[in-house]
Amino acid sequence: MDRDWELFLLPYNQTVDELKVKLRGLRNMYLLKKEHGPIEFVTGRVKPINSILIKSRTRKISLDKLETDMEDLAGIRIMCPFVEDIYDVVEMLKSRNDLNVVYEKDYVTHKKESGYRSYHLICEYPVQLIDEVKVVLVEIQIRTLAMNFWASIEHSLNYKYAGEYPTEINDRLQKAAESAFQLDEEMSTIRDEIKDIQASYRFKKD
């Protein structure tokens, strides 16, 4: 089918742009209040046309059903300092009146077989166009910096091996994912110990 891709993807580009501004605004609020912020940084993208066409073929998604059946045309990624922050961000997003969470996938607690960890929210977001409000789907991924490092490297390797890793490589990737998660847990433990020390110091001072 003939499609004006620029016009079709315009609401998705607007969705990504607006959400990046809003979420970065939240991060800045924490900084100004000198409080711990659960958001380290935010990125976003609209799926390239070539990737849309490839996914539509592999997933057997008709091009006239992209708006309903391809949930990641618009994608937002939120990086958090600590694992606990992921769940704070999830609750923060669920409480917003400009997002409607359709469903969620907790790959942090229930990691994928590959070792991949992240929290995914599929949301509806209203975009104000010239003559209508269009509700589009957006996938929001929330993960730690360590999880994002592993996922980014694994994604680039996935292209090289076309998703079919040798057994040894697959095993090592899984071990690397587990090491990244252990790093997250260790950093959380260190933070908690520092907070306890600070609280004890303030108590003695008072």
N, C-alpha and C. Protein backbone atom coordinates (compact mmCIF):
# COMPACT_ATOMS: atom_id res chain seq x y z
N MET A 1 0.84 -1.20 0.00
CA MET A 1 0.00 0.00 0.00
C MET A 1 0.88 1.25 0.00
N ASP A 2 0.42 2.30 -0.70
CA ASP A 2 1.13 3.57 -0.70
C ASP A 2 0.84 4.28 0.61
N ARG A 3 1.89 4.86 1.19
CA ARG A 3 1.70 5.54 2.47
C ARG A 3 2.63 6.75 2.54
N ASP A 4 2.08 7.85 3.04
CA ASP A 4 2.90 9.01 3.31
C ASP A 4 3.50 8.79 4.70
N TRP A 5 4.71 8.24 4.74
CA TRP A 5 5.32 7.84 6.01
C TRP A 5 5.57 9.05 6.92
N GLU A 6 5.96 10.15 6.34
CA GLU A 6 6.24 11.33 7.16
C GLU A 6 4.99 11.79 7.89
N LEU A 7 3.87 11.79 7.19
CA LEU A 7 2.60 12.17 7.81
C LEU A 7 2.14 11.13 8.82
N PHE A 8 2.30 9.84 8.46
CA PHE A 8 1.88 8.76 9.35
C PHE A 8 2.65 8.78 10.68
N LEU A 9 3.95 9.04 10.58
CA LEU A 9 4.80 8.99 11.78
C LEU A 9 4.83 10.30 12.56
N LEU A 10 4.23 11.35 12.02
CA LEU A 10 4.26 12.64 12.69
C LEU A 10 3.73 12.58 14.13
N PRO A 11 2.57 11.94 14.40
CA PRO A 11 2.09 11.88 15.79
C PRO A 11 3.05 11.12 16.71
N TYR A 12 3.77 10.15 16.16
CA TYR A 12 4.71 9.38 16.97
C TYR A 12 5.95 10.22 17.29
N ASN A 13 6.40 11.01 16.32
CA ASN A 13 7.51 11.92 16.58
C ASN A 13 7.12 12.95 17.64
N GLN A 14 5.89 13.43 17.54
CA GLN A 14 5.42 14.42 18.51
C GLN A 14 5.31 13.79 19.90
N THR A 15 4.85 12.55 19.95
CA THR A 15 4.75 11.82 21.23
C THR A 15 6.11 11.70 21.90
N VAL A 16 7.10 11.27 21.13
CA VAL A 16 8.45 11.11 21.68
C VAL A 16 9.00 12.46 22.15
N ASP A 17 8.84 13.49 21.34
CA ASP A 17 9.35 14.82 21.70
C ASP A 17 8.70 15.33 22.99
N GLU A 18 7.39 15.19 23.07
CA GLU A 18 6.67 15.71 24.25
C GLU A 18 7.03 14.95 25.51
N LEU A 19 7.09 13.62 25.42
CA LEU A 19 7.39 12.84 26.61
C LEU A 19 8.83 13.05 27.08
N LYS A 20 9.75 13.23 26.16
CA LYS A 20 11.13 13.50 26.57
C LYS A 20 11.21 14.81 27.36
N VAL A 21 10.51 15.82 26.87
CA VAL A 21 10.50 17.11 27.57
C VAL A 21 9.88 16.97 28.96
N LYS A 22 8.75 16.28 29.04
CA LYS A 22 8.04 16.14 30.32
C LYS A 22 8.86 15.34 31.33
N LEU A 23 9.46 14.23 30.89
CA LEU A 23 10.21 13.38 31.81
C LEU A 23 11.53 14.03 32.23
N ARG A 24 12.16 14.76 31.31
CA ARG A 24 13.37 15.49 31.68
C ARG A 24 13.03 16.62 32.64
N GLY A 25 11.83 17.17 32.50
CA GLY A 25 11.37 18.20 33.43
C GLY A 25 11.24 17.64 34.84
N LEU A 26 10.73 16.40 34.97
CA LEU A 26 10.64 15.76 36.28
C LEU A 26 12.02 15.59 36.89
N ARG A 27 12.97 15.15 36.06
CA ARG A 27 14.34 14.97 36.55
C ARG A 27 14.89 16.29 37.08
N ASN A 28 14.66 17.37 36.36
CA ASN A 28 15.17 18.67 36.78
C ASN A 28 14.52 19.14 38.08
N MET A 29 13.24 18.76 38.29
CA MET A 29 12.57 19.13 39.54
C MET A 29 13.28 18.51 40.74
N TYR A 30 13.66 17.24 40.60
CA TYR A 30 14.39 16.58 41.69
C TYR A 30 15.72 17.28 41.95
N LEU A 31 16.40 17.66 40.88
CA LEU A 31 17.69 18.33 41.03
C LEU A 31 17.54 19.66 41.75
N LEU A 32 16.52 20.43 41.37
CA LEU A 32 16.31 21.74 41.98
C LEU A 32 15.92 21.62 43.46
N LYS A 33 15.20 20.53 43.79
CA LYS A 33 14.80 20.30 45.18
C LYS A 33 15.90 19.62 45.98
N LYS A 34 17.02 19.30 45.28
CA LYS A 34 18.15 18.62 45.91
C LYS A 34 17.73 17.31 46.58
N GLU A 35 16.86 16.57 45.87
CA GLU A 35 16.41 15.26 46.32
C GLU A 35 16.94 14.19 45.38
N HIS A 36 17.00 12.96 45.89
CA HIS A 36 17.41 11.86 45.00
C HIS A 36 16.36 11.69 43.91
N GLY A 37 16.80 11.73 42.67
CA GLY A 37 15.89 11.56 41.54
C GLY A 37 15.99 10.16 40.97
N PRO A 38 14.84 9.50 40.72
CA PRO A 38 14.86 8.15 40.17
C PRO A 38 15.16 8.10 38.68
N ILE A 39 15.24 9.28 38.04
CA ILE A 39 15.50 9.34 36.60
C ILE A 39 16.91 9.88 36.38
N GLU A 40 17.77 9.08 35.76
CA GLU A 40 19.13 9.51 35.44
C GLU A 40 19.14 10.28 34.13
N PHE A 41 18.58 9.66 33.08
CA PHE A 41 18.39 10.37 31.83
C PHE A 41 17.35 9.67 30.98
N VAL A 42 16.88 10.38 29.95
CA VAL A 42 15.77 9.90 29.11
C VAL A 42 16.17 9.99 27.64
N THR A 43 15.88 8.95 26.89
CA THR A 43 16.07 8.98 25.44
C THR A 43 14.77 8.53 24.77
N GLY A 44 14.68 8.75 23.48
CA GLY A 44 13.49 8.33 22.75
C GLY A 44 13.77 8.24 21.27
N ARG A 45 12.95 7.48 20.59
CA ARG A 45 13.09 7.34 19.14
C ARG A 45 11.78 6.87 18.53
N VAL A 46 11.63 7.18 17.25
CA VAL A 46 10.55 6.62 16.45
C VAL A 46 11.18 5.55 15.57
N LYS A 47 10.55 4.40 15.47
CA LYS A 47 11.12 3.28 14.73
C LYS A 47 11.33 3.68 13.27
N PRO A 48 12.53 3.44 12.73
CA PRO A 48 12.80 3.76 11.32
C PRO A 48 11.88 2.97 10.39
N ILE A 49 11.61 3.54 9.24
CA ILE A 49 10.69 2.92 8.29
C ILE A 49 11.14 1.52 7.89
N ASN A 50 12.43 1.36 7.64
CA ASN A 50 12.94 0.05 7.24
C ASN A 50 12.71 -0.98 8.34
N SER A 51 12.90 -0.58 9.60
CA SER A 51 12.66 -1.49 10.72
C SER A 51 11.18 -1.83 10.85
N ILE A 52 10.33 -0.85 10.56
CA ILE A 52 8.88 -1.10 10.59
C ILE A 52 8.50 -2.16 9.56
N LEU A 53 9.04 -2.02 8.36
CA LEU A 53 8.70 -2.96 7.29
C LEU A 53 9.22 -4.36 7.59
N ILE A 54 10.44 -4.44 8.13
CA ILE A 54 11.00 -5.75 8.48
C ILE A 54 10.17 -6.41 9.57
N LYS A 55 9.83 -5.65 10.62
CA LYS A 55 9.05 -6.22 11.72
C LYS A 55 7.66 -6.61 11.26
N SER A 56 7.07 -5.82 10.36
CA SER A 56 5.73 -6.15 9.88
C SER A 56 5.73 -7.47 9.12
N ARG A 57 6.84 -7.75 8.43
CA ARG A 57 6.93 -9.02 7.70
C ARG A 57 7.18 -10.19 8.65
N THR A 58 8.13 -10.02 9.57
CA THR A 58 8.48 -11.13 10.47
C THR A 58 7.36 -11.43 11.45
N ARG A 59 6.64 -10.39 11.90
CA ARG A 59 5.54 -10.60 12.86
C ARG A 59 4.19 -10.75 12.17
N LYS A 60 4.21 -10.70 10.82
CA LYS A 60 2.97 -10.82 10.04
C LYS A 60 1.93 -9.78 10.48
N ILE A 61 2.39 -8.52 10.56
CA ILE A 61 1.51 -7.41 10.91
C ILE A 61 1.16 -6.66 9.64
N SER A 62 -0.12 -6.60 9.33
CA SER A 62 -0.56 -5.88 8.14
C SER A 62 -0.24 -4.39 8.29
N LEU A 63 0.18 -3.75 7.20
CA LEU A 63 0.54 -2.34 7.25
C LEU A 63 -0.64 -1.44 7.63
N ASP A 64 -1.85 -1.91 7.36
CA ASP A 64 -3.00 -1.09 7.73
C ASP A 64 -3.40 -1.28 9.20
N LYS A 65 -2.65 -2.12 9.93
CA LYS A 65 -2.91 -2.32 11.36
C LYS A 65 -1.72 -1.94 12.22
N LEU A 66 -0.80 -1.17 11.64
CA LEU A 66 0.40 -0.79 12.39
C LEU A 66 0.05 -0.01 13.67
N GLU A 67 -0.95 0.85 13.59
CA GLU A 67 -1.28 1.70 14.73
C GLU A 67 -1.74 0.91 15.95
N THR A 68 -2.34 -0.24 15.72
CA THR A 68 -2.86 -1.04 16.84
C THR A 68 -2.00 -2.25 17.17
N ASP A 69 -1.30 -2.78 16.17
CA ASP A 69 -0.58 -4.05 16.37
C ASP A 69 0.93 -3.90 16.54
N MET A 70 1.48 -2.74 16.22
CA MET A 70 2.91 -2.51 16.44
C MET A 70 3.05 -1.47 17.55
N GLU A 71 3.33 -1.97 18.75
CA GLU A 71 3.23 -1.13 19.94
C GLU A 71 4.46 -0.26 20.20
N ASP A 72 5.52 -0.47 19.45
CA ASP A 72 6.76 0.26 19.72
C ASP A 72 7.16 1.20 18.59
N LEU A 73 6.19 1.69 17.83
CA LEU A 73 6.51 2.69 16.81
C LEU A 73 7.16 3.91 17.48
N ALA A 74 6.62 4.29 18.62
CA ALA A 74 7.22 5.33 19.45
C ALA A 74 7.82 4.65 20.67
N GLY A 75 9.05 4.98 20.98
CA GLY A 75 9.73 4.36 22.11
C GLY A 75 10.43 5.38 22.99
N ILE A 76 10.22 5.23 24.30
CA ILE A 76 10.90 6.06 25.29
C ILE A 76 11.71 5.13 26.20
N ARG A 77 12.93 5.54 26.53
CA ARG A 77 13.75 4.74 27.44
C ARG A 77 14.18 5.63 28.60
N ILE A 78 13.91 5.16 29.81
CA ILE A 78 14.25 5.89 31.02
C ILE A 78 15.31 5.10 31.77
N MET A 79 16.45 5.73 32.03
CA MET A 79 17.52 5.09 32.79
C MET A 79 17.49 5.57 34.23
N CYS A 80 17.62 4.61 35.16
CA CYS A 80 17.56 4.90 36.59
C CYS A 80 18.88 4.55 37.27
N PRO A 81 19.22 5.24 38.36
CA PRO A 81 20.45 4.92 39.07
C PRO A 81 20.40 3.56 39.76
N PHE A 82 19.26 3.21 40.37
CA PHE A 82 19.14 1.99 41.17
C PHE A 82 17.92 1.18 40.75
N VAL A 83 17.97 -0.12 41.05
CA VAL A 83 16.86 -1.01 40.68
C VAL A 83 15.55 -0.53 41.31
N GLU A 84 15.62 -0.10 42.60
CA GLU A 84 14.41 0.33 43.29
C GLU A 84 13.77 1.52 42.59
N ASP A 85 14.61 2.34 41.96
CA ASP A 85 14.09 3.52 41.26
C ASP A 85 13.17 3.14 40.10
N ILE A 86 13.44 1.98 39.50
CA ILE A 86 12.61 1.53 38.37
C ILE A 86 11.15 1.48 38.79
N TYR A 87 10.89 0.89 39.95
CA TYR A 87 9.50 0.73 40.39
C TYR A 87 8.89 2.06 40.84
N ASP A 88 9.74 2.98 41.33
CA ASP A 88 9.24 4.33 41.64
C ASP A 88 8.80 5.04 40.37
N VAL A 89 9.59 4.89 39.31
CA VAL A 89 9.25 5.51 38.03
C VAL A 89 7.98 4.89 37.45
N VAL A 90 7.85 3.57 37.57
CA VAL A 90 6.65 2.89 37.08
C VAL A 90 5.41 3.47 37.75
N GLU A 91 5.46 3.61 39.07
CA GLU A 91 4.31 4.15 39.80
C GLU A 91 4.06 5.60 39.43
N MET A 92 5.13 6.35 39.21
CA MET A 92 5.01 7.74 38.80
C MET A 92 4.28 7.84 37.46
N LEU A 93 4.65 6.97 36.52
CA LEU A 93 4.02 6.99 35.20
C LEU A 93 2.56 6.57 35.26
N LYS A 94 2.28 5.59 36.11
CA LYS A 94 0.90 5.11 36.24
C LYS A 94 -0.02 6.19 36.81
N SER A 95 0.55 7.09 37.59
CA SER A 95 -0.27 8.12 38.23
C SER A 95 -0.51 9.34 37.35
N ARG A 96 0.16 9.40 36.19
CA ARG A 96 0.02 10.56 35.31
C ARG A 96 -1.34 10.56 34.62
N ASN A 97 -1.89 11.75 34.40
CA ASN A 97 -3.19 11.84 33.73
C ASN A 97 -3.06 11.98 32.22
N ASP A 98 -1.81 12.02 31.71
CA ASP A 98 -1.63 12.09 30.27
C ASP A 98 -1.15 10.76 29.68
N LEU A 99 -1.14 9.72 30.51
CA LEU A 99 -0.76 8.38 30.05
C LEU A 99 -1.78 7.36 30.55
N ASN A 100 -2.12 6.42 29.69
CA ASN A 100 -2.96 5.31 30.10
C ASN A 100 -2.19 4.02 29.86
N VAL A 101 -1.84 3.33 30.93
CA VAL A 101 -1.08 2.09 30.80
C VAL A 101 -2.00 0.98 30.32
N VAL A 102 -1.70 0.43 29.15
CA VAL A 102 -2.50 -0.65 28.58
C VAL A 102 -2.09 -1.97 29.22
N TYR A 103 -0.79 -2.24 29.25
CA TYR A 103 -0.28 -3.39 30.00
C TYR A 103 1.21 -3.21 30.26
N GLU A 104 1.75 -4.06 31.11
CA GLU A 104 3.15 -3.93 31.52
C GLU A 104 3.83 -5.30 31.53
N LYS A 105 5.16 -5.26 31.38
CA LYS A 105 5.97 -6.47 31.40
C LYS A 105 7.16 -6.24 32.33
N ASP A 106 7.22 -7.00 33.40
CA ASP A 106 8.30 -6.85 34.36
C ASP A 106 9.41 -7.85 34.05
N TYR A 107 10.36 -7.40 33.23
CA TYR A 107 11.52 -8.24 32.92
C TYR A 107 12.67 -7.99 33.90
N VAL A 108 12.41 -7.19 34.93
CA VAL A 108 13.42 -7.00 35.97
C VAL A 108 13.36 -8.16 36.95
N THR A 109 12.17 -8.41 37.47
CA THR A 109 11.97 -9.55 38.37
C THR A 109 11.97 -10.86 37.61
N HIS A 110 11.38 -10.84 36.43
CA HIS A 110 11.28 -12.06 35.60
C HIS A 110 12.09 -11.83 34.32
N LYS A 111 13.39 -12.01 34.40
CA LYS A 111 14.27 -11.73 33.27
C LYS A 111 13.97 -12.65 32.10
N LYS A 112 14.32 -12.20 30.90
CA LYS A 112 14.19 -13.05 29.72
C LYS A 112 15.27 -14.14 29.74
N GLU A 113 15.06 -15.16 28.94
CA GLU A 113 16.00 -16.28 28.89
C GLU A 113 17.41 -15.80 28.52
N SER A 114 17.50 -14.76 27.72
CA SER A 114 18.80 -14.24 27.29
C SER A 114 19.56 -13.54 28.42
N GLY A 115 18.83 -13.21 29.50
CA GLY A 115 19.42 -12.44 30.59
C GLY A 115 18.95 -11.00 30.61
N TYR A 116 18.21 -10.61 29.57
CA TYR A 116 17.71 -9.24 29.44
C TYR A 116 16.81 -8.86 30.60
N ARG A 117 17.07 -7.66 31.15
CA ARG A 117 16.23 -7.12 32.21
C ARG A 117 15.82 -5.69 31.87
N SER A 118 14.54 -5.39 32.07
CA SER A 118 14.01 -4.05 31.86
C SER A 118 12.53 -4.10 32.24
N TYR A 119 11.93 -2.96 32.49
CA TYR A 119 10.49 -2.90 32.78
C TYR A 119 9.83 -2.18 31.63
N HIS A 120 8.85 -2.82 31.01
CA HIS A 120 8.18 -2.24 29.85
C HIS A 120 6.74 -1.85 30.18
N LEU A 121 6.39 -0.66 29.76
CA LEU A 121 4.99 -0.21 29.83
C LEU A 121 4.51 0.12 28.42
N ILE A 122 3.40 -0.46 28.03
CA ILE A 122 2.75 -0.07 26.78
C ILE A 122 1.64 0.89 27.16
N CYS A 123 1.75 2.12 26.66
CA CYS A 123 0.83 3.17 27.09
C CYS A 123 0.13 3.83 25.90
N GLU A 124 -1.03 4.39 26.19
CA GLU A 124 -1.73 5.25 25.24
C GLU A 124 -1.43 6.70 25.61
N TYR A 125 -1.10 7.48 24.59
CA TYR A 125 -0.76 8.89 24.83
C TYR A 125 -1.53 9.76 23.84
N PRO A 126 -2.26 10.78 24.32
CA PRO A 126 -3.03 11.65 23.42
C PRO A 126 -2.17 12.76 22.83
N VAL A 127 -2.19 12.86 21.52
CA VAL A 127 -1.43 13.90 20.82
C VAL A 127 -2.41 14.90 20.20
N GLN A 128 -2.19 16.16 20.48
CA GLN A 128 -3.05 17.21 19.90
C GLN A 128 -2.54 17.55 18.51
N LEU A 129 -3.33 17.19 17.50
CA LEU A 129 -3.00 17.53 16.12
C LEU A 129 -3.79 18.78 15.72
N ILE A 130 -3.76 19.13 14.46
CA ILE A 130 -4.42 20.37 14.01
C ILE A 130 -5.91 20.35 14.31
N ASP A 131 -6.57 19.25 13.97
CA ASP A 131 -8.03 19.22 14.08
C ASP A 131 -8.56 18.06 14.90
N GLU A 132 -7.68 17.37 15.64
CA GLU A 132 -8.13 16.24 16.44
C GLU A 132 -7.09 15.88 17.50
N VAL A 133 -7.55 15.12 18.47
CA VAL A 133 -6.64 14.51 19.45
C VAL A 133 -6.50 13.05 19.06
N LYS A 134 -5.28 12.65 18.74
CA LYS A 134 -5.03 11.28 18.30
C LYS A 134 -4.33 10.52 19.42
N VAL A 135 -4.87 9.39 19.79
CA VAL A 135 -4.27 8.55 20.83
C VAL A 135 -3.36 7.52 20.17
N VAL A 136 -2.08 7.56 20.53
CA VAL A 136 -1.12 6.63 19.92
C VAL A 136 -0.51 5.76 21.01
N LEU A 137 0.00 4.61 20.58
CA LEU A 137 0.69 3.71 21.50
C LEU A 137 2.15 4.07 21.58
N VAL A 138 2.70 3.99 22.79
CA VAL A 138 4.12 4.24 23.01
C VAL A 138 4.65 3.20 23.99
N GLU A 139 5.81 2.66 23.69
CA GLU A 139 6.45 1.72 24.61
C GLU A 139 7.47 2.47 25.45
N ILE A 140 7.35 2.36 26.75
CA ILE A 140 8.30 2.99 27.67
C ILE A 140 9.10 1.89 28.37
N GLN A 141 10.41 1.93 28.22
CA GLN A 141 11.30 0.97 28.87
C GLN A 141 12.02 1.68 30.00
N ILE A 142 12.00 1.05 31.18
CA ILE A 142 12.67 1.61 32.35
C ILE A 142 13.71 0.60 32.82
N ARG A 143 14.95 1.04 32.96
CA ARG A 143 16.02 0.14 33.34
C ARG A 143 17.15 0.91 34.03
N THR A 144 18.06 0.18 34.65
CA THR A 144 19.22 0.83 35.25
C THR A 144 20.28 1.06 34.18
N LEU A 145 21.31 1.82 34.56
CA LEU A 145 22.42 2.07 33.64
C LEU A 145 23.13 0.78 33.28
N ALA A 146 23.29 -0.11 34.26
CA ALA A 146 23.97 -1.38 34.01
C ALA A 146 23.14 -2.25 33.06
N MET A 147 21.84 -2.29 33.28
CA MET A 147 20.96 -3.06 32.39
C MET A 147 21.02 -2.50 30.98
N ASN A 148 21.06 -1.18 30.87
CA ASN A 148 21.08 -0.55 29.55
C ASN A 148 22.39 -0.82 28.84
N PHE A 149 23.50 -0.82 29.59
CA PHE A 149 24.81 -1.13 28.99
C PHE A 149 24.78 -2.53 28.38
N TRP A 150 24.30 -3.50 29.16
CA TRP A 150 24.24 -4.88 28.65
C TRP A 150 23.32 -4.98 27.44
N ALA A 151 22.14 -4.39 27.53
CA ALA A 151 21.15 -4.49 26.45
C ALA A 151 21.66 -3.84 25.16
N SER A 152 22.36 -2.72 25.29
CA SER A 152 22.88 -2.02 24.11
C SER A 152 23.95 -2.85 23.41
N ILE A 153 24.87 -3.43 24.18
CA ILE A 153 25.91 -4.26 23.59
C ILE A 153 25.32 -5.53 22.98
N GLU A 154 24.39 -6.15 23.69
CA GLU A 154 23.77 -7.38 23.18
C GLU A 154 23.01 -7.10 21.89
N HIS A 155 22.38 -5.93 21.81
CA HIS A 155 21.62 -5.57 20.62
C HIS A 155 22.54 -5.43 19.41
N SER A 156 23.70 -4.81 19.62
CA SER A 156 24.64 -4.64 18.51
C SER A 156 25.23 -5.98 18.08
N LEU A 157 25.48 -6.88 19.04
CA LEU A 157 26.00 -8.21 18.70
C LEU A 157 24.94 -9.04 17.99
N ASN A 158 23.68 -8.78 18.34
CA ASN A 158 22.58 -9.53 17.75
C ASN A 158 22.53 -9.37 16.24
N TYR A 159 22.87 -8.16 15.76
CA TYR A 159 22.91 -7.93 14.32
C TYR A 159 24.02 -8.74 13.66
N LYS A 160 25.16 -8.83 14.34
CA LYS A 160 26.30 -9.55 13.77
C LYS A 160 26.01 -11.03 13.63
N TYR A 161 25.35 -11.59 14.63
CA TYR A 161 25.06 -13.03 14.61
C TYR A 161 23.64 -13.35 14.15
N ALA A 162 22.89 -12.32 13.76
CA ALA A 162 21.50 -12.50 13.30
C ALA A 162 20.66 -13.25 14.32
N GLY A 163 20.95 -13.01 15.61
CA GLY A 163 20.15 -13.61 16.67
C GLY A 163 20.48 -15.05 16.98
N GLU A 164 21.41 -15.65 16.24
CA GLU A 164 21.77 -17.06 16.47
C GLU A 164 23.18 -17.12 17.03
N TYR A 165 23.30 -16.95 18.35
CA TYR A 165 24.61 -16.98 18.97
C TYR A 165 25.13 -18.41 19.11
N PRO A 166 26.44 -18.60 18.98
CA PRO A 166 27.03 -19.88 19.39
C PRO A 166 26.74 -20.12 20.86
N THR A 167 26.64 -21.37 21.27
CA THR A 167 26.28 -21.70 22.65
C THR A 167 27.20 -21.02 23.66
N GLU A 168 28.50 -21.04 23.39
CA GLU A 168 29.46 -20.44 24.33
C GLU A 168 29.22 -18.95 24.48
N ILE A 169 28.96 -18.26 23.35
CA ILE A 169 28.70 -16.82 23.40
C ILE A 169 27.41 -16.54 24.17
N ASN A 170 26.40 -17.34 23.91
CA ASN A 170 25.12 -17.17 24.60
C ASN A 170 25.28 -17.32 26.11
N ASP A 171 26.05 -18.33 26.53
CA ASP A 171 26.29 -18.56 27.95
C ASP A 171 27.02 -17.38 28.58
N ARG A 172 28.00 -16.85 27.85
CA ARG A 172 28.79 -15.73 28.38
C ARG A 172 27.95 -14.45 28.47
N LEU A 173 27.06 -14.28 27.50
CA LEU A 173 26.17 -13.12 27.55
C LEU A 173 25.23 -13.20 28.76
N GLN A 174 24.73 -14.39 29.04
CA GLN A 174 23.86 -14.57 30.20
C GLN A 174 24.62 -14.30 31.49
N LYS A 175 25.87 -14.76 31.57
CA LYS A 175 26.69 -14.50 32.76
C LYS A 175 26.97 -13.01 32.90
N ALA A 176 27.21 -12.35 31.77
CA ALA A 176 27.45 -10.90 31.81
C ALA A 176 26.21 -10.15 32.29
N ALA A 177 25.03 -10.60 31.86
CA ALA A 177 23.79 -9.98 32.31
C ALA A 177 23.62 -10.15 33.81
N GLU A 178 23.96 -11.33 34.30
CA GLU A 178 23.84 -11.58 35.73
C GLU A 178 24.85 -10.74 36.52
N SER A 179 26.04 -10.57 35.95
CA SER A 179 27.05 -9.73 36.60
C SER A 179 26.58 -8.29 36.68
N ALA A 180 25.93 -7.82 35.61
CA ALA A 180 25.41 -6.45 35.59
C ALA A 180 24.35 -6.27 36.68
N PHE A 181 23.51 -7.29 36.86
CA PHE A 181 22.46 -7.21 37.88
C PHE A 181 23.06 -7.26 39.27
N GLN A 182 24.10 -8.07 39.45
CA GLN A 182 24.78 -8.12 40.74
C GLN A 182 25.43 -6.78 41.07
N LEU A 183 25.94 -6.11 40.04
CA LEU A 183 26.50 -4.77 40.24
C LEU A 183 25.41 -3.81 40.72
N ASP A 184 24.23 -3.89 40.10
CA ASP A 184 23.11 -3.05 40.54
C ASP A 184 22.78 -3.31 42.00
N GLU A 185 22.72 -4.60 42.38
CA GLU A 185 22.37 -4.94 43.75
C GLU A 185 23.43 -4.45 44.73
N GLU A 186 24.71 -4.57 44.35
CA GLU A 186 25.80 -4.12 45.21
C GLU A 186 25.75 -2.60 45.41
N MET A 187 25.48 -1.87 44.34
CA MET A 187 25.40 -0.41 44.46
C MET A 187 24.23 0.00 45.34
N SER A 188 23.12 -0.73 45.26
CA SER A 188 21.98 -0.44 46.13
C SER A 188 22.34 -0.70 47.59
N THR A 189 23.08 -1.78 47.83
CA THR A 189 23.50 -2.11 49.20
C THR A 189 24.43 -1.03 49.75
N ILE A 190 25.36 -0.58 48.93
CA ILE A 190 26.29 0.48 49.34
C ILE A 190 25.52 1.76 49.67
N ARG A 191 24.55 2.10 48.82
CA ARG A 191 23.76 3.31 49.07
C ARG A 191 23.02 3.21 50.41
N ASP A 192 22.41 2.04 50.67
CA ASP A 192 21.68 1.85 51.93
C ASP A 192 22.60 1.96 53.14
N GLU A 193 23.82 1.41 53.02
CA GLU A 193 24.77 1.48 54.13
C GLU A 193 25.20 2.93 54.38
N ILE A 194 25.41 3.69 53.31
CA ILE A 194 25.78 5.10 53.46
C ILE A 194 24.65 5.88 54.14
N LYS A 195 23.41 5.59 53.75
CA LYS A 195 22.26 6.27 54.36
C LYS A 195 22.17 5.94 55.85
N ASP A 196 22.46 4.68 56.21
CA ASP A 196 22.43 4.29 57.62
C ASP A 196 23.51 5.01 58.41
N ILE A 197 24.70 5.14 57.81
CA ILE A 197 25.80 5.83 58.47
C ILE A 197 25.45 7.30 58.67
N GLN A 198 24.88 7.92 57.65
CA GLN A 198 24.50 9.33 57.75
C GLN A 198 23.42 9.54 58.81
N ALA A 199 22.44 8.61 58.84
CA ALA A 199 21.37 8.72 59.84
C ALA A 199 21.93 8.56 61.25
N SER A 200 22.87 7.63 61.42
CA SER A 200 23.48 7.41 62.72
C SER A 200 24.28 8.63 63.16
N TYR A 201 24.97 9.25 62.22
CA TYR A 201 25.79 10.44 62.52
C TYR A 201 24.89 11.60 62.96
N ARG A 202 23.77 11.79 62.26
CA ARG A 202 22.85 12.86 62.61
C ARG A 202 22.25 12.62 63.99
N PHE A 203 21.95 11.34 64.30
CA PHE A 203 21.37 11.00 65.60
C PHE A 203 22.34 11.34 66.73
N LYS A 204 23.62 10.97 66.53
CA LYS A 204 24.63 11.25 67.55
C LYS A 204 24.86 12.75 67.70
N LYS A 205 24.79 13.46 66.56
CA LYS A 205 25.00 14.91 66.60
C LYS A 205 23.90 15.62 67.36
N ASP A 206 22.66 15.11 67.20
CA ASP A 206 21.52 15.72 67.87
C ASP A 206 21.55 15.39 69.36
